[in-house]
Amino acid sequence: MLSKKTIRRFEKKLRDEWVKLSKVLKHSQEMGLEQNLKESVSELSAYDNHPADLGSETFEREKDLGLANTIKVKQAAIEDALDRIKEGKYGVCLRCGRPIAEERLEALPQSLTCFDCQLHQEQEEPNQRYRPLEEEVLAYPFGRSFTGGDDENVEFDGEDAW
């Protein structure tokens, strides 16, 4: 179990990280993320341009919005960890109830699970989190293959279509 002094140190570390992330988020919003794309690039109209004319700006906007979302997710995880400190549950694995190693908390203070449970969870769900949700409902003709594994059909297979 973690000592009160250690928990206070982690609490300070979590609060400092939350403030740092807030500053980054505020700075990114000051750089035009709150404006729509047309206003941020000072275009009179986005319709009279070729789509490639705004390609770089669109990519940068998507990247910035993705980074801002990642910051918000990290802040939420930090807030959860701070709540667990208030409840007296900080440093205890949510899955098995054993103490989380201090080394793991040093590296990732907002950890909710011990190393073994995290490893087990990642092995239970290999790559399922990384595939788009839409793939679960795709069927012919948009699935992986038109033949669906039928080896009898030699004149055409689905991979030739893409």
N, C-alpha and C. Protein backbone atom coordinates (compact mmCIF):
# COMPACT_ATOMS: atom_id res chain seq x y z
N MET A 1 0.84 -1.19 0.00
CA MET A 1 0.00 0.00 0.00
C MET A 1 0.88 1.24 0.00
N LEU A 2 0.42 2.27 -0.66
CA LEU A 2 1.19 3.51 -0.76
C LEU A 2 1.07 4.34 0.51
N SER A 3 2.16 4.98 0.87
CA SER A 3 2.13 5.87 2.04
C SER A 3 1.42 7.17 1.67
N LYS A 4 1.00 7.92 2.69
CA LYS A 4 0.31 9.19 2.44
C LYS A 4 1.23 10.17 1.73
N LYS A 5 2.50 10.14 2.08
CA LYS A 5 3.48 11.03 1.44
C LYS A 5 3.60 10.71 -0.05
N THR A 6 3.64 9.43 -0.38
CA THR A 6 3.74 9.00 -1.77
C THR A 6 2.48 9.40 -2.54
N ILE A 7 1.33 9.21 -1.93
CA ILE A 7 0.07 9.58 -2.58
C ILE A 7 0.02 11.08 -2.83
N ARG A 8 0.47 11.88 -1.86
CA ARG A 8 0.50 13.34 -2.06
C ARG A 8 1.43 13.72 -3.21
N ARG A 9 2.55 12.99 -3.32
CA ARG A 9 3.50 13.25 -4.42
C ARG A 9 2.84 12.95 -5.77
N PHE A 10 2.12 11.82 -5.84
CA PHE A 10 1.43 11.48 -7.09
C PHE A 10 0.29 12.45 -7.37
N GLU A 11 -0.39 12.90 -6.32
CA GLU A 11 -1.47 13.88 -6.51
C GLU A 11 -0.91 15.17 -7.10
N LYS A 12 0.21 15.63 -6.59
CA LYS A 12 0.85 16.84 -7.13
C LYS A 12 1.26 16.62 -8.58
N LYS A 13 1.81 15.46 -8.85
CA LYS A 13 2.24 15.14 -10.22
C LYS A 13 1.03 15.14 -11.17
N LEU A 14 -0.07 14.56 -10.73
CA LEU A 14 -1.29 14.53 -11.55
C LEU A 14 -1.83 15.94 -11.78
N ARG A 15 -1.88 16.74 -10.73
CA ARG A 15 -2.39 18.12 -10.87
C ARG A 15 -1.49 18.95 -11.79
N ASP A 16 -0.17 18.80 -11.66
CA ASP A 16 0.75 19.52 -12.53
C ASP A 16 0.56 19.12 -14.00
N GLU A 17 0.37 17.83 -14.23
CA GLU A 17 0.15 17.36 -15.60
C GLU A 17 -1.16 17.89 -16.16
N TRP A 18 -2.20 17.94 -15.32
CA TRP A 18 -3.50 18.45 -15.76
C TRP A 18 -3.38 19.92 -16.16
N VAL A 19 -2.66 20.71 -15.36
CA VAL A 19 -2.45 22.14 -15.66
C VAL A 19 -1.66 22.29 -16.96
N LYS A 20 -0.64 21.48 -17.12
CA LYS A 20 0.17 21.53 -18.34
C LYS A 20 -0.68 21.23 -19.58
N LEU A 21 -1.51 20.20 -19.49
CA LEU A 21 -2.39 19.85 -20.60
C LEU A 21 -3.40 20.96 -20.86
N SER A 22 -3.89 21.61 -19.82
CA SER A 22 -4.84 22.72 -19.98
C SER A 22 -4.21 23.87 -20.74
N LYS A 23 -2.95 24.16 -20.43
CA LYS A 23 -2.25 25.24 -21.13
C LYS A 23 -2.07 24.91 -22.61
N VAL A 24 -1.72 23.67 -22.89
CA VAL A 24 -1.56 23.25 -24.29
C VAL A 24 -2.90 23.36 -25.02
N LEU A 25 -3.98 22.91 -24.38
CA LEU A 25 -5.30 22.98 -24.99
C LEU A 25 -5.73 24.42 -25.22
N LYS A 26 -5.49 25.28 -24.25
CA LYS A 26 -5.85 26.69 -24.39
C LYS A 26 -5.06 27.33 -25.52
N HIS A 27 -3.78 27.02 -25.61
CA HIS A 27 -2.95 27.57 -26.68
C HIS A 27 -3.45 27.11 -28.05
N SER A 28 -3.83 25.84 -28.16
CA SER A 28 -4.31 25.34 -29.45
C SER A 28 -5.64 26.00 -29.83
N GLN A 29 -6.47 26.30 -28.84
CA GLN A 29 -7.74 26.96 -29.14
C GLN A 29 -7.51 28.41 -29.55
N GLU A 30 -6.48 29.04 -28.98
CA GLU A 30 -6.15 30.40 -29.37
C GLU A 30 -5.60 30.46 -30.79
N MET A 31 -5.11 29.34 -31.29
CA MET A 31 -4.54 29.31 -32.63
C MET A 31 -5.61 29.06 -33.69
N GLY A 32 -6.88 29.13 -33.35
CA GLY A 32 -7.93 29.07 -34.34
C GLY A 32 -8.76 27.82 -34.39
N LEU A 33 -8.63 26.94 -33.42
CA LEU A 33 -9.43 25.71 -33.45
C LEU A 33 -10.90 25.98 -33.24
N GLU A 34 -11.24 27.08 -32.60
CA GLU A 34 -12.64 27.41 -32.35
C GLU A 34 -13.33 27.99 -33.59
N GLN A 35 -12.54 28.41 -34.57
CA GLN A 35 -13.11 28.95 -35.80
C GLN A 35 -13.36 27.82 -36.78
N ASN A 36 -14.28 28.08 -37.74
CA ASN A 36 -14.44 27.07 -38.77
C ASN A 36 -13.28 27.19 -39.76
N LEU A 37 -13.13 26.19 -40.61
CA LEU A 37 -11.97 26.12 -41.50
C LEU A 37 -11.89 27.32 -42.43
N LYS A 38 -13.02 27.73 -42.97
CA LYS A 38 -13.02 28.86 -43.92
C LYS A 38 -12.48 30.13 -43.26
N GLU A 39 -12.92 30.40 -42.04
CA GLU A 39 -12.46 31.61 -41.34
C GLU A 39 -11.00 31.50 -40.93
N SER A 40 -10.56 30.31 -40.56
CA SER A 40 -9.19 30.17 -40.08
C SER A 40 -8.16 30.34 -41.19
N VAL A 41 -8.54 30.07 -42.45
CA VAL A 41 -7.60 30.26 -43.56
C VAL A 41 -7.90 31.54 -44.33
N SER A 42 -8.85 32.33 -43.85
CA SER A 42 -9.20 33.64 -44.44
C SER A 42 -9.65 33.53 -45.89
N GLU A 43 -10.38 32.48 -46.20
CA GLU A 43 -10.94 32.32 -47.54
C GLU A 43 -12.33 32.92 -47.57
N LEU A 44 -12.67 33.56 -48.68
CA LEU A 44 -14.02 34.09 -48.83
C LEU A 44 -15.02 32.98 -49.03
N SER A 45 -14.59 31.94 -49.73
CA SER A 45 -15.46 30.80 -49.97
C SER A 45 -14.62 29.55 -50.11
N ALA A 46 -15.08 28.47 -49.55
CA ALA A 46 -14.38 27.20 -49.70
C ALA A 46 -14.91 26.44 -50.90
N TYR A 47 -16.00 26.92 -51.50
CA TYR A 47 -16.62 26.19 -52.60
C TYR A 47 -15.99 26.46 -53.95
N ASP A 48 -15.40 27.63 -54.14
CA ASP A 48 -14.85 27.94 -55.45
C ASP A 48 -13.44 27.42 -55.63
N ASN A 49 -12.90 26.77 -54.64
CA ASN A 49 -11.55 26.23 -54.73
C ASN A 49 -11.59 24.75 -55.10
N HIS A 50 -10.51 24.31 -55.71
CA HIS A 50 -10.34 22.89 -55.94
C HIS A 50 -10.14 22.22 -54.58
N PRO A 51 -10.67 21.01 -54.36
CA PRO A 51 -10.52 20.38 -53.05
C PRO A 51 -9.07 20.28 -52.58
N ALA A 52 -8.14 20.14 -53.51
CA ALA A 52 -6.74 20.03 -53.12
C ALA A 52 -6.18 21.34 -52.60
N ASP A 53 -6.82 22.47 -52.94
CA ASP A 53 -6.34 23.76 -52.46
C ASP A 53 -6.41 23.87 -50.95
N LEU A 54 -7.37 23.22 -50.35
CA LEU A 54 -7.51 23.26 -48.89
C LEU A 54 -7.10 21.94 -48.23
N GLY A 55 -6.47 21.07 -49.00
CA GLY A 55 -6.09 19.76 -48.48
C GLY A 55 -5.16 19.83 -47.28
N SER A 56 -4.11 20.62 -47.39
CA SER A 56 -3.16 20.73 -46.28
C SER A 56 -3.81 21.35 -45.05
N GLU A 57 -4.63 22.38 -45.27
CA GLU A 57 -5.29 23.03 -44.15
C GLU A 57 -6.28 22.07 -43.47
N THR A 58 -6.99 21.29 -44.28
CA THR A 58 -7.94 20.33 -43.72
C THR A 58 -7.21 19.26 -42.92
N PHE A 59 -6.09 18.78 -43.46
CA PHE A 59 -5.30 17.79 -42.73
C PHE A 59 -4.81 18.35 -41.40
N GLU A 60 -4.27 19.55 -41.42
CA GLU A 60 -3.77 20.17 -40.18
C GLU A 60 -4.90 20.37 -39.17
N ARG A 61 -6.07 20.77 -39.66
CA ARG A 61 -7.21 20.97 -38.77
C ARG A 61 -7.62 19.65 -38.12
N GLU A 62 -7.70 18.58 -38.93
CA GLU A 62 -8.06 17.27 -38.39
C GLU A 62 -7.03 16.80 -37.37
N LYS A 63 -5.76 17.02 -37.67
CA LYS A 63 -4.70 16.63 -36.74
C LYS A 63 -4.83 17.41 -35.43
N ASP A 64 -5.03 18.72 -35.52
CA ASP A 64 -5.17 19.54 -34.32
C ASP A 64 -6.39 19.15 -33.49
N LEU A 65 -7.51 18.86 -34.17
CA LEU A 65 -8.71 18.43 -33.45
C LEU A 65 -8.48 17.07 -32.77
N GLY A 66 -7.76 16.19 -33.45
CA GLY A 66 -7.44 14.89 -32.86
C GLY A 66 -6.55 15.03 -31.63
N LEU A 67 -5.56 15.92 -31.72
CA LEU A 67 -4.67 16.15 -30.58
C LEU A 67 -5.44 16.78 -29.42
N ALA A 68 -6.34 17.71 -29.73
CA ALA A 68 -7.16 18.33 -28.67
C ALA A 68 -8.03 17.28 -27.99
N ASN A 69 -8.59 16.37 -28.77
CA ASN A 69 -9.40 15.29 -28.19
C ASN A 69 -8.56 14.38 -27.31
N THR A 70 -7.34 14.07 -27.75
CA THR A 70 -6.44 13.24 -26.95
C THR A 70 -6.13 13.91 -25.62
N ILE A 71 -5.92 15.22 -25.64
CA ILE A 71 -5.65 15.96 -24.41
C ILE A 71 -6.85 15.86 -23.47
N LYS A 72 -8.06 16.00 -24.01
CA LYS A 72 -9.26 15.93 -23.18
C LYS A 72 -9.42 14.54 -22.55
N VAL A 73 -9.08 13.50 -23.32
CA VAL A 73 -9.15 12.13 -22.79
C VAL A 73 -8.13 11.95 -21.66
N LYS A 74 -6.92 12.48 -21.86
CA LYS A 74 -5.89 12.38 -20.81
C LYS A 74 -6.32 13.15 -19.56
N GLN A 75 -6.92 14.32 -19.76
CA GLN A 75 -7.39 15.09 -18.60
C GLN A 75 -8.48 14.33 -17.84
N ALA A 76 -9.36 13.67 -18.57
CA ALA A 76 -10.42 12.89 -17.91
C ALA A 76 -9.82 11.74 -17.10
N ALA A 77 -8.78 11.10 -17.63
CA ALA A 77 -8.12 10.02 -16.90
C ALA A 77 -7.44 10.55 -15.64
N ILE A 78 -6.85 11.74 -15.75
CA ILE A 78 -6.22 12.36 -14.58
C ILE A 78 -7.28 12.71 -13.53
N GLU A 79 -8.42 13.24 -13.98
CA GLU A 79 -9.50 13.57 -13.05
C GLU A 79 -10.02 12.32 -12.34
N ASP A 80 -10.11 11.20 -13.09
CA ASP A 80 -10.52 9.94 -12.47
C ASP A 80 -9.53 9.51 -11.39
N ALA A 81 -8.23 9.66 -11.69
CA ALA A 81 -7.21 9.29 -10.71
C ALA A 81 -7.30 10.18 -9.47
N LEU A 82 -7.54 11.47 -9.66
CA LEU A 82 -7.68 12.39 -8.52
C LEU A 82 -8.92 12.03 -7.69
N ASP A 83 -9.99 11.62 -8.36
CA ASP A 83 -11.19 11.16 -7.64
C ASP A 83 -10.87 9.91 -6.82
N ARG A 84 -10.08 9.00 -7.38
CA ARG A 84 -9.71 7.78 -6.66
C ARG A 84 -8.86 8.11 -5.44
N ILE A 85 -8.04 9.16 -5.55
CA ILE A 85 -7.26 9.59 -4.38
C ILE A 85 -8.20 10.05 -3.28
N LYS A 86 -9.21 10.87 -3.65
CA LYS A 86 -10.17 11.36 -2.66
C LYS A 86 -10.94 10.22 -1.99
N GLU A 87 -11.25 9.18 -2.78
CA GLU A 87 -12.01 8.04 -2.26
C GLU A 87 -11.14 7.06 -1.49
N GLY A 88 -9.82 7.25 -1.55
CA GLY A 88 -8.90 6.33 -0.87
C GLY A 88 -8.65 5.06 -1.65
N LYS A 89 -8.92 5.06 -2.95
CA LYS A 89 -8.77 3.87 -3.77
C LYS A 89 -7.61 3.97 -4.76
N TYR A 90 -6.82 5.03 -4.65
CA TYR A 90 -5.73 5.25 -5.60
C TYR A 90 -4.64 4.20 -5.39
N GLY A 91 -4.11 3.70 -6.50
CA GLY A 91 -3.03 2.72 -6.43
C GLY A 91 -3.51 1.30 -6.28
N VAL A 92 -4.82 1.08 -6.39
CA VAL A 92 -5.39 -0.26 -6.28
C VAL A 92 -5.97 -0.63 -7.65
N CYS A 93 -5.60 -1.79 -8.15
CA CYS A 93 -6.04 -2.25 -9.47
C CYS A 93 -7.56 -2.44 -9.49
N LEU A 94 -8.19 -1.92 -10.53
CA LEU A 94 -9.64 -2.05 -10.67
C LEU A 94 -10.07 -3.48 -10.99
N ARG A 95 -9.20 -4.27 -11.61
CA ARG A 95 -9.58 -5.62 -12.02
C ARG A 95 -9.36 -6.66 -10.93
N CYS A 96 -8.18 -6.63 -10.31
CA CYS A 96 -7.86 -7.70 -9.35
C CYS A 96 -7.84 -7.22 -7.90
N GLY A 97 -7.80 -5.91 -7.68
CA GLY A 97 -7.80 -5.39 -6.32
C GLY A 97 -6.45 -5.36 -5.63
N ARG A 98 -5.40 -5.80 -6.34
CA ARG A 98 -4.06 -5.76 -5.76
C ARG A 98 -3.46 -4.36 -5.93
N PRO A 99 -2.45 -4.03 -5.12
CA PRO A 99 -1.79 -2.73 -5.28
C PRO A 99 -1.07 -2.63 -6.62
N ILE A 100 -1.13 -1.45 -7.22
CA ILE A 100 -0.40 -1.18 -8.46
C ILE A 100 1.03 -0.81 -8.07
N ALA A 101 2.00 -1.37 -8.77
CA ALA A 101 3.41 -1.12 -8.45
C ALA A 101 3.73 0.37 -8.52
N GLU A 102 4.52 0.82 -7.57
CA GLU A 102 4.87 2.24 -7.52
C GLU A 102 5.63 2.66 -8.79
N GLU A 103 6.41 1.76 -9.35
CA GLU A 103 7.14 2.07 -10.59
C GLU A 103 6.17 2.35 -11.73
N ARG A 104 5.09 1.59 -11.78
CA ARG A 104 4.08 1.81 -12.83
C ARG A 104 3.39 3.15 -12.62
N LEU A 105 3.06 3.47 -11.39
CA LEU A 105 2.41 4.75 -11.10
C LEU A 105 3.37 5.91 -11.36
N GLU A 106 4.65 5.69 -11.16
CA GLU A 106 5.63 6.73 -11.45
C GLU A 106 5.65 7.04 -12.95
N ALA A 107 5.55 5.99 -13.75
CA ALA A 107 5.56 6.17 -15.21
C ALA A 107 4.22 6.68 -15.72
N LEU A 108 3.13 6.19 -15.14
CA LEU A 108 1.79 6.54 -15.60
C LEU A 108 0.89 6.70 -14.37
N PRO A 109 0.91 7.89 -13.75
CA PRO A 109 0.21 8.07 -12.48
C PRO A 109 -1.30 7.85 -12.54
N GLN A 110 -1.89 7.94 -13.73
CA GLN A 110 -3.34 7.75 -13.84
C GLN A 110 -3.71 6.29 -14.12
N SER A 111 -2.77 5.37 -13.93
CA SER A 111 -3.04 3.94 -14.16
C SER A 111 -4.20 3.45 -13.30
N LEU A 112 -5.06 2.67 -13.92
CA LEU A 112 -6.21 2.09 -13.21
C LEU A 112 -5.99 0.61 -12.90
N THR A 113 -5.05 -0.01 -13.63
CA THR A 113 -4.82 -1.44 -13.46
C THR A 113 -3.34 -1.71 -13.25
N CYS A 114 -3.06 -2.85 -12.64
CA CYS A 114 -1.66 -3.27 -12.48
C CYS A 114 -1.14 -3.75 -13.83
N PHE A 115 0.15 -3.96 -13.90
CA PHE A 115 0.78 -4.34 -15.16
C PHE A 115 0.22 -5.66 -15.68
N ASP A 116 0.08 -6.65 -14.80
CA ASP A 116 -0.40 -7.97 -15.23
C ASP A 116 -1.82 -7.90 -15.79
N CYS A 117 -2.70 -7.16 -15.12
CA CYS A 117 -4.08 -7.04 -15.60
C CYS A 117 -4.15 -6.27 -16.91
N GLN A 118 -3.32 -5.24 -17.05
CA GLN A 118 -3.29 -4.48 -18.30
C GLN A 118 -2.82 -5.38 -19.44
N LEU A 119 -1.78 -6.16 -19.19
CA LEU A 119 -1.26 -7.08 -20.20
C LEU A 119 -2.33 -8.11 -20.56
N HIS A 120 -3.00 -8.65 -19.56
CA HIS A 120 -4.06 -9.64 -19.79
C HIS A 120 -5.20 -9.02 -20.61
N GLN A 121 -5.58 -7.80 -20.28
CA GLN A 121 -6.65 -7.12 -21.00
C GLN A 121 -6.27 -6.89 -22.47
N GLU A 122 -5.03 -6.50 -22.71
CA GLU A 122 -4.60 -6.26 -24.08
C GLU A 122 -4.54 -7.56 -24.88
N GLN A 123 -4.23 -8.67 -24.23
CA GLN A 123 -4.19 -9.95 -24.92
C GLN A 123 -5.59 -10.51 -25.16
N GLU A 124 -6.55 -10.15 -24.30
CA GLU A 124 -7.93 -10.59 -24.47
C GLU A 124 -8.57 -9.95 -25.69
N GLU A 125 -8.23 -8.71 -25.95
CA GLU A 125 -8.84 -7.94 -27.03
C GLU A 125 -7.80 -7.53 -28.06
N PRO A 126 -7.16 -8.48 -28.74
CA PRO A 126 -6.11 -8.08 -29.67
C PRO A 126 -6.67 -7.33 -30.87
N ASN A 127 -6.25 -6.12 -31.01
CA ASN A 127 -6.57 -5.25 -32.15
C ASN A 127 -8.04 -4.97 -32.36
N GLN A 128 -8.91 -5.40 -31.48
CA GLN A 128 -10.33 -5.11 -31.67
C GLN A 128 -10.60 -3.63 -31.52
N ARG A 129 -9.84 -2.96 -30.66
CA ARG A 129 -10.07 -1.54 -30.44
C ARG A 129 -9.61 -0.70 -31.61
N TYR A 130 -8.75 -1.26 -32.44
CA TYR A 130 -8.12 -0.45 -33.47
C TYR A 130 -8.82 -0.54 -34.82
N ARG A 131 -9.87 -1.32 -34.92
CA ARG A 131 -10.59 -1.45 -36.18
C ARG A 131 -11.84 -0.57 -36.13
N PRO A 132 -12.18 0.04 -37.25
CA PRO A 132 -13.38 0.89 -37.26
C PRO A 132 -14.64 0.08 -36.96
N LEU A 133 -15.55 0.69 -36.25
CA LEU A 133 -16.80 0.05 -35.87
C LEU A 133 -17.59 -0.38 -37.11
N GLU A 134 -17.48 0.38 -38.18
CA GLU A 134 -18.25 0.10 -39.39
C GLU A 134 -17.93 -1.27 -39.97
N GLU A 135 -16.72 -1.78 -39.73
CA GLU A 135 -16.34 -3.05 -40.31
C GLU A 135 -17.19 -4.21 -39.79
N GLU A 136 -17.80 -4.04 -38.64
CA GLU A 136 -18.63 -5.11 -38.08
C GLU A 136 -19.89 -5.34 -38.89
N VAL A 137 -20.36 -4.32 -39.60
CA VAL A 137 -21.62 -4.46 -40.33
C VAL A 137 -21.42 -4.53 -41.84
N LEU A 138 -20.19 -4.43 -42.30
CA LEU A 138 -19.95 -4.50 -43.74
C LEU A 138 -20.19 -5.91 -44.26
N ALA A 139 -20.93 -6.01 -45.31
CA ALA A 139 -21.18 -7.30 -45.93
C ALA A 139 -21.00 -7.14 -47.44
N TYR A 140 -21.24 -8.21 -48.19
CA TYR A 140 -21.14 -8.16 -49.63
C TYR A 140 -21.89 -6.95 -50.16
N PRO A 141 -21.37 -6.17 -51.05
CA PRO A 141 -20.08 -6.30 -51.73
C PRO A 141 -18.95 -5.54 -51.06
N PHE A 142 -19.13 -5.09 -49.82
CA PHE A 142 -18.12 -4.25 -49.20
C PHE A 142 -17.28 -4.98 -48.16
N GLY A 143 -17.48 -6.25 -47.99
CA GLY A 143 -16.71 -7.00 -47.01
C GLY A 143 -15.28 -7.23 -47.48
N ARG A 144 -14.61 -8.15 -46.85
CA ARG A 144 -13.22 -8.42 -47.19
C ARG A 144 -13.09 -9.02 -48.59
N SER A 145 -14.06 -9.83 -48.99
CA SER A 145 -13.94 -10.51 -50.27
C SER A 145 -15.33 -10.84 -50.79
N PHE A 146 -15.46 -10.85 -52.12
CA PHE A 146 -16.74 -11.20 -52.73
C PHE A 146 -17.02 -12.69 -52.60
N THR A 147 -15.97 -13.48 -52.59
CA THR A 147 -16.16 -14.93 -52.60
C THR A 147 -16.40 -15.48 -51.20
N GLY A 148 -16.02 -14.74 -50.18
CA GLY A 148 -16.25 -15.20 -48.82
C GLY A 148 -15.50 -16.47 -48.49
N GLY A 149 -14.32 -16.66 -49.09
CA GLY A 149 -13.51 -17.83 -48.79
C GLY A 149 -13.85 -19.02 -49.67
N ASP A 150 -14.68 -18.84 -50.68
CA ASP A 150 -15.04 -19.92 -51.59
C ASP A 150 -13.88 -20.17 -52.54
N ASP A 151 -13.18 -21.29 -52.39
CA ASP A 151 -12.02 -21.58 -53.22
C ASP A 151 -12.41 -22.12 -54.59
N GLU A 152 -13.68 -22.42 -54.81
CA GLU A 152 -14.14 -22.94 -56.09
C GLU A 152 -14.13 -21.87 -57.18
N ASN A 153 -14.31 -20.62 -56.81
CA ASN A 153 -14.42 -19.53 -57.76
C ASN A 153 -13.02 -19.04 -58.11
N VAL A 154 -12.45 -19.53 -59.23
CA VAL A 154 -11.07 -19.19 -59.58
C VAL A 154 -10.97 -18.06 -60.59
N GLU A 155 -12.05 -17.74 -61.30
CA GLU A 155 -11.95 -16.69 -62.31
C GLU A 155 -11.96 -15.29 -61.71
N PHE A 156 -12.42 -15.15 -60.47
CA PHE A 156 -12.49 -13.82 -59.85
C PHE A 156 -12.46 -13.97 -58.34
N ASP A 157 -11.68 -13.15 -57.70
CA ASP A 157 -11.77 -13.10 -56.24
C ASP A 157 -11.87 -11.64 -55.81
N GLY A 158 -12.37 -11.43 -54.61
CA GLY A 158 -12.67 -10.09 -54.13
C GLY A 158 -11.47 -9.16 -54.08
N GLU A 159 -10.29 -9.71 -53.88
CA GLU A 159 -9.11 -8.86 -53.79
C GLU A 159 -8.79 -8.19 -55.13
N ASP A 160 -9.21 -8.81 -56.23
CA ASP A 160 -8.96 -8.21 -57.55
C ASP A 160 -9.79 -6.95 -57.77
N ALA A 161 -10.88 -6.80 -57.04
CA ALA A 161 -11.77 -5.66 -57.24
C ALA A 161 -11.21 -4.39 -56.62
N TRP A 162 -10.35 -4.49 -55.66
CA TRP A 162 -9.86 -3.32 -54.97
C TRP A 162 -8.50 -3.00 -55.47
